[in-house]
Amino acid sequence: MSKTTVIPISLPTVFAKEIDRAANEEAMTRSEFVRTALRRQLAFSSLGALQRETSRRAQKVGIRTLRDAVRVVREARKERVTA
């Protein structure tokens, strides 16, 4: 069994009731529902960090628009085919 940590949080009563309703609709416990929501938010945050880093690197090499990115991908594919 994995270790767990209890993290007490305060929520407005209305929000807690919304969580309970949504958890019930998903046939989940309140804890399962909140864990799932937190996993999604953490993944979303990681994706945002990855997008910022990718954008920073792309700009460094001159990719500023979607058109630039498509051009670079096509060039790379052509090089791979001819190699």
N, C-alpha and C. Protein backbone atom coordinates (compact mmCIF):
# COMPACT_ATOMS: atom_id res chain seq x y z
N MET A 1 0.84 -1.18 0.00
CA MET A 1 0.00 0.00 0.00
C MET A 1 0.89 1.24 0.00
N SER A 2 0.53 2.25 -0.79
CA SER A 2 1.34 3.45 -0.86
C SER A 2 1.09 4.33 0.37
N LYS A 3 2.10 5.12 0.68
CA LYS A 3 1.96 6.03 1.81
C LYS A 3 1.06 7.19 1.41
N THR A 4 0.35 7.71 2.37
CA THR A 4 -0.50 8.86 2.11
C THR A 4 -0.24 9.93 3.16
N THR A 5 -0.58 11.14 2.81
CA THR A 5 -0.49 12.27 3.72
C THR A 5 -1.84 12.95 3.74
N VAL A 6 -2.32 13.24 4.90
CA VAL A 6 -3.58 13.96 5.03
C VAL A 6 -3.27 15.45 4.97
N ILE A 7 -3.97 16.14 4.07
CA ILE A 7 -3.78 17.58 3.92
C ILE A 7 -5.12 18.25 4.18
N PRO A 8 -5.29 18.77 5.38
CA PRO A 8 -6.57 19.43 5.66
C PRO A 8 -6.66 20.76 4.89
N ILE A 9 -7.79 20.97 4.26
CA ILE A 9 -8.02 22.23 3.55
C ILE A 9 -9.37 22.79 3.94
N SER A 10 -9.51 24.09 3.79
CA SER A 10 -10.78 24.75 4.08
C SER A 10 -11.42 25.13 2.76
N LEU A 11 -12.71 24.81 2.63
CA LEU A 11 -13.46 25.15 1.42
C LEU A 11 -14.77 25.81 1.83
N PRO A 12 -15.25 26.71 1.00
CA PRO A 12 -16.61 27.21 1.26
C PRO A 12 -17.59 26.03 1.20
N THR A 13 -18.58 26.05 2.04
CA THR A 13 -19.56 24.95 2.11
C THR A 13 -20.18 24.66 0.75
N VAL A 14 -20.50 25.71 0.00
CA VAL A 14 -21.11 25.52 -1.32
C VAL A 14 -20.18 24.73 -2.23
N PHE A 15 -18.89 25.04 -2.17
CA PHE A 15 -17.91 24.35 -3.02
C PHE A 15 -17.79 22.89 -2.60
N ALA A 16 -17.76 22.63 -1.30
CA ALA A 16 -17.67 21.25 -0.81
C ALA A 16 -18.89 20.44 -1.26
N LYS A 17 -20.06 21.08 -1.25
CA LYS A 17 -21.27 20.39 -1.71
C LYS A 17 -21.18 20.09 -3.20
N GLU A 18 -20.62 21.01 -3.98
CA GLU A 18 -20.44 20.77 -5.42
C GLU A 18 -19.51 19.59 -5.65
N ILE A 19 -18.43 19.53 -4.87
CA ILE A 19 -17.48 18.43 -5.00
C ILE A 19 -18.17 17.11 -4.66
N ASP A 20 -18.94 17.10 -3.58
CA ASP A 20 -19.65 15.88 -3.19
C ASP A 20 -20.63 15.44 -4.27
N ARG A 21 -21.37 16.39 -4.84
CA ARG A 21 -22.33 16.07 -5.90
C ARG A 21 -21.62 15.48 -7.12
N ALA A 22 -20.55 16.15 -7.55
CA ALA A 22 -19.81 15.69 -8.72
C ALA A 22 -19.16 14.34 -8.46
N ALA A 23 -18.61 14.14 -7.28
CA ALA A 23 -18.00 12.85 -6.94
C ALA A 23 -19.05 11.75 -6.97
N ASN A 24 -20.21 12.04 -6.45
CA ASN A 24 -21.29 11.06 -6.45
C ASN A 24 -21.69 10.70 -7.88
N GLU A 25 -21.79 11.70 -8.75
CA GLU A 25 -22.14 11.44 -10.15
C GLU A 25 -21.10 10.57 -10.84
N GLU A 26 -19.85 10.70 -10.43
CA GLU A 26 -18.76 9.91 -11.02
C GLU A 26 -18.54 8.59 -10.28
N ALA A 27 -19.36 8.32 -9.30
CA ALA A 27 -19.24 7.11 -8.45
C ALA A 27 -17.86 7.05 -7.80
N MET A 28 -17.44 8.19 -7.26
CA MET A 28 -16.15 8.29 -6.59
C MET A 28 -16.36 8.82 -5.18
N THR A 29 -15.38 8.54 -4.34
CA THR A 29 -15.40 9.19 -3.03
C THR A 29 -14.92 10.63 -3.21
N ARG A 30 -15.16 11.43 -2.20
CA ARG A 30 -14.68 12.82 -2.24
C ARG A 30 -13.16 12.83 -2.43
N SER A 31 -12.45 11.99 -1.70
CA SER A 31 -10.99 11.95 -1.81
C SER A 31 -10.54 11.55 -3.21
N GLU A 32 -11.18 10.52 -3.77
CA GLU A 32 -10.82 10.10 -5.14
C GLU A 32 -11.05 11.24 -6.13
N PHE A 33 -12.17 11.92 -5.98
CA PHE A 33 -12.50 13.01 -6.88
C PHE A 33 -11.47 14.14 -6.80
N VAL A 34 -11.12 14.51 -5.57
CA VAL A 34 -10.15 15.60 -5.39
C VAL A 34 -8.77 15.16 -5.88
N ARG A 35 -8.36 13.92 -5.61
CA ARG A 35 -7.07 13.43 -6.11
C ARG A 35 -7.02 13.49 -7.63
N THR A 36 -8.11 13.06 -8.28
CA THR A 36 -8.17 13.10 -9.74
C THR A 36 -8.06 14.53 -10.25
N ALA A 37 -8.78 15.43 -9.62
CA ALA A 37 -8.73 16.84 -10.02
C ALA A 37 -7.32 17.40 -9.85
N LEU A 38 -6.67 17.06 -8.76
CA LEU A 38 -5.31 17.56 -8.52
C LEU A 38 -4.32 16.96 -9.51
N ARG A 39 -4.47 15.67 -9.83
CA ARG A 39 -3.60 15.06 -10.86
C ARG A 39 -3.74 15.78 -12.19
N ARG A 40 -4.98 16.08 -12.57
CA ARG A 40 -5.21 16.79 -13.83
C ARG A 40 -4.59 18.18 -13.80
N GLN A 41 -4.74 18.88 -12.70
CA GLN A 41 -4.17 20.23 -12.60
C GLN A 41 -2.65 20.18 -12.64
N LEU A 42 -2.05 19.19 -11.96
CA LEU A 42 -0.60 19.06 -12.00
C LEU A 42 -0.11 18.74 -13.41
N ALA A 43 -0.84 17.88 -14.11
CA ALA A 43 -0.47 17.57 -15.50
C ALA A 43 -0.61 18.80 -16.37
N PHE A 44 -1.68 19.56 -16.17
CA PHE A 44 -1.90 20.79 -16.92
C PHE A 44 -0.77 21.79 -16.66
N SER A 45 -0.37 21.91 -15.41
CA SER A 45 0.73 22.82 -15.05
C SER A 45 2.03 22.38 -15.70
N SER A 46 2.29 21.07 -15.70
CA SER A 46 3.50 20.55 -16.34
C SER A 46 3.47 20.82 -17.84
N LEU A 47 2.32 20.65 -18.45
CA LEU A 47 2.18 20.93 -19.87
C LEU A 47 2.46 22.41 -20.16
N GLY A 48 1.94 23.28 -19.32
CA GLY A 48 2.18 24.72 -19.49
C GLY A 48 3.66 25.04 -19.41
N ALA A 49 4.37 24.43 -18.46
CA ALA A 49 5.81 24.66 -18.32
C ALA A 49 6.55 24.15 -19.56
N LEU A 50 6.14 22.99 -20.06
CA LEU A 50 6.74 22.43 -21.27
C LEU A 50 6.50 23.33 -22.47
N GLN A 51 5.29 23.86 -22.59
CA GLN A 51 4.97 24.77 -23.70
C GLN A 51 5.81 26.04 -23.62
N ARG A 52 5.97 26.59 -22.44
CA ARG A 52 6.79 27.80 -22.29
C ARG A 52 8.24 27.54 -22.68
N GLU A 53 8.79 26.40 -22.24
CA GLU A 53 10.17 26.06 -22.56
C GLU A 53 10.33 25.80 -24.06
N THR A 54 9.39 25.09 -24.65
CA THR A 54 9.44 24.82 -26.09
C THR A 54 9.36 26.12 -26.88
N SER A 55 8.50 27.01 -26.47
CA SER A 55 8.36 28.30 -27.14
C SER A 55 9.65 29.11 -27.03
N ARG A 56 10.26 29.10 -25.86
CA ARG A 56 11.51 29.82 -25.65
C ARG A 56 12.60 29.28 -26.57
N ARG A 57 12.71 27.96 -26.64
CA ARG A 57 13.73 27.33 -27.50
C ARG A 57 13.44 27.58 -28.97
N ALA A 58 12.19 27.52 -29.35
CA ALA A 58 11.82 27.75 -30.75
C ALA A 58 12.18 29.17 -31.17
N GLN A 59 11.89 30.13 -30.32
CA GLN A 59 12.21 31.52 -30.64
C GLN A 59 13.72 31.73 -30.77
N LYS A 60 14.48 31.00 -29.98
CA LYS A 60 15.94 31.11 -30.06
C LYS A 60 16.47 30.70 -31.44
N VAL A 61 15.80 29.74 -32.07
CA VAL A 61 16.26 29.27 -33.39
C VAL A 61 15.46 29.89 -34.52
N GLY A 62 14.66 30.89 -34.21
CA GLY A 62 13.97 31.64 -35.26
C GLY A 62 12.57 31.18 -35.61
N ILE A 63 12.01 30.27 -34.84
CA ILE A 63 10.63 29.83 -35.08
C ILE A 63 9.73 30.74 -34.27
N ARG A 64 8.98 31.57 -34.99
CA ARG A 64 8.12 32.53 -34.30
C ARG A 64 6.63 32.33 -34.60
N THR A 65 6.33 31.66 -35.68
CA THR A 65 4.93 31.46 -36.06
C THR A 65 4.68 29.99 -36.34
N LEU A 66 3.42 29.64 -36.47
CA LEU A 66 3.07 28.27 -36.84
C LEU A 66 3.62 27.95 -38.22
N ARG A 67 3.58 28.91 -39.10
CA ARG A 67 4.12 28.71 -40.45
C ARG A 67 5.62 28.35 -40.38
N ASP A 68 6.36 29.04 -39.51
CA ASP A 68 7.78 28.72 -39.33
C ASP A 68 7.95 27.28 -38.84
N ALA A 69 7.13 26.88 -37.89
CA ALA A 69 7.23 25.53 -37.33
C ALA A 69 6.93 24.48 -38.39
N VAL A 70 5.89 24.71 -39.19
CA VAL A 70 5.54 23.76 -40.26
C VAL A 70 6.69 23.64 -41.25
N ARG A 71 7.29 24.78 -41.61
CA ARG A 71 8.41 24.78 -42.54
C ARG A 71 9.57 23.95 -41.99
N VAL A 72 9.91 24.14 -40.72
CA VAL A 72 11.03 23.42 -40.12
C VAL A 72 10.74 21.92 -40.08
N VAL A 73 9.52 21.55 -39.74
CA VAL A 73 9.15 20.12 -39.70
C VAL A 73 9.26 19.51 -41.10
N ARG A 74 8.75 20.21 -42.10
CA ARG A 74 8.83 19.69 -43.48
C ARG A 74 10.27 19.52 -43.93
N GLU A 75 11.11 20.50 -43.61
CA GLU A 75 12.52 20.41 -43.98
C GLU A 75 13.18 19.21 -43.30
N ALA A 76 12.87 19.01 -42.02
CA ALA A 76 13.45 17.89 -41.28
C ALA A 76 12.99 16.56 -41.87
N ARG A 77 11.73 16.48 -42.28
CA ARG A 77 11.22 15.24 -42.87
C ARG A 77 11.89 14.96 -44.21
N LYS A 78 12.10 16.01 -45.00
CA LYS A 78 12.79 15.83 -46.29
C LYS A 78 14.19 15.32 -46.07
N GLU A 79 14.89 15.88 -45.09
CA GLU A 79 16.25 15.44 -44.78
C GLU A 79 16.27 13.97 -44.35
N ARG A 80 15.28 13.56 -43.59
CA ARG A 80 15.21 12.18 -43.12
C ARG A 80 14.96 11.22 -44.27
N VAL A 81 14.11 11.63 -45.22
CA VAL A 81 13.78 10.77 -46.35
C VAL A 81 14.99 10.61 -47.27
N THR A 82 15.73 11.67 -47.49
CA THR A 82 16.87 11.62 -48.40
C THR A 82 18.11 11.04 -47.75
N ALA A 83 18.13 10.91 -46.44
CA ALA A 83 19.31 10.39 -45.74
C ALA A 83 19.43 8.90 -45.85
